Amino acid sequence: MESKDYIVTKIEGEYAYLREIGNDTEELFIALYLLPIGVDIGTKLHYEWLTYTIIE
């Protein structure tokens, strides 16, 4: 499975918008319960093996 790095660009209700770092053309819409506790706008995430972890 390919790993990717994302940044949280927007949170609306129970969902977050993620943009892949280095790719400004596409956003991912994902439920907050799939993300680690403490995620906020501007948080950088690493995705690998169906798991998101906070980086930096």
Protein backbone atom coordinates (compact mmCIF):
# COMPACT_ATOMS: atom_id res chain seq x y z
CA MET A 1 0.00 0.00 0.00
CA GLU A 2 1.34 3.43 -0.95
CA SER A 3 2.06 5.90 1.83
CA LYS A 4 1.12 9.57 1.48
CA ASP A 5 1.33 12.75 3.53
CA TYR A 6 -1.67 15.06 3.93
CA ILE A 7 -2.55 18.36 5.56
CA VAL A 8 -5.99 19.10 7.05
CA THR A 9 -7.40 22.09 5.16
CA LYS A 10 -10.94 22.30 6.55
CA ILE A 11 -13.18 20.66 9.15
CA GLU A 12 -16.96 20.71 8.74
CA GLY A 13 -19.01 18.96 11.39
CA GLU A 14 -17.78 15.37 11.64
CA TYR A 15 -15.72 15.46 8.45
CA ALA A 16 -12.29 16.76 7.45
CA TYR A 17 -10.86 17.77 4.11
CA LEU A 18 -7.33 16.55 3.46
CA ARG A 19 -4.99 17.75 0.72
CA GLU A 20 -2.04 15.64 -0.29
CA ILE A 21 1.20 17.50 0.36
CA GLY A 22 2.74 18.33 -3.00
CA ASN A 23 -0.55 17.90 -4.89
CA ASP A 24 -2.77 20.99 -4.77
CA THR A 25 -5.37 19.77 -7.25
CA GLU A 26 -7.36 17.24 -5.23
CA GLU A 27 -8.90 17.06 -1.74
CA LEU A 28 -9.98 13.99 0.20
CA PHE A 29 -13.18 14.08 2.30
CA ILE A 30 -12.95 11.79 5.36
CA ALA A 31 -14.78 11.19 8.64
CA LEU A 32 -13.00 12.59 11.70
CA TYR A 33 -13.37 9.33 13.63
CA LEU A 34 -10.87 7.75 11.20
CA LEU A 35 -8.23 10.33 12.16
CA PRO A 36 -6.10 10.50 15.32
CA ILE A 37 -7.28 12.46 18.35
CA GLY A 38 -6.09 16.06 18.29
CA VAL A 39 -6.46 16.68 14.56
CA ASP A 40 -7.16 20.31 13.66
CA ILE A 41 -6.85 22.58 10.64
CA GLY A 42 -3.20 22.65 9.57
CA THR A 43 -2.34 19.27 11.10
CA LYS A 44 -0.01 17.17 8.94
CA LEU A 45 -0.85 13.47 8.65
CA HIS A 46 0.98 10.43 7.33
CA TYR A 47 -1.17 7.67 5.79
CA GLU A 48 0.13 4.11 5.57
CA TRP A 49 -1.52 0.70 5.88
CA LEU A 50 -5.02 2.16 6.43
CA THR A 51 -3.77 4.25 9.39
CA TYR A 52 -3.30 8.01 9.78
CA THR A 53 -0.66 9.34 12.18
CA ILE A 54 0.19 12.94 13.07
CA ILE A 55 3.58 14.18 11.88
CA GLU A 56 5.49 17.30 13.03
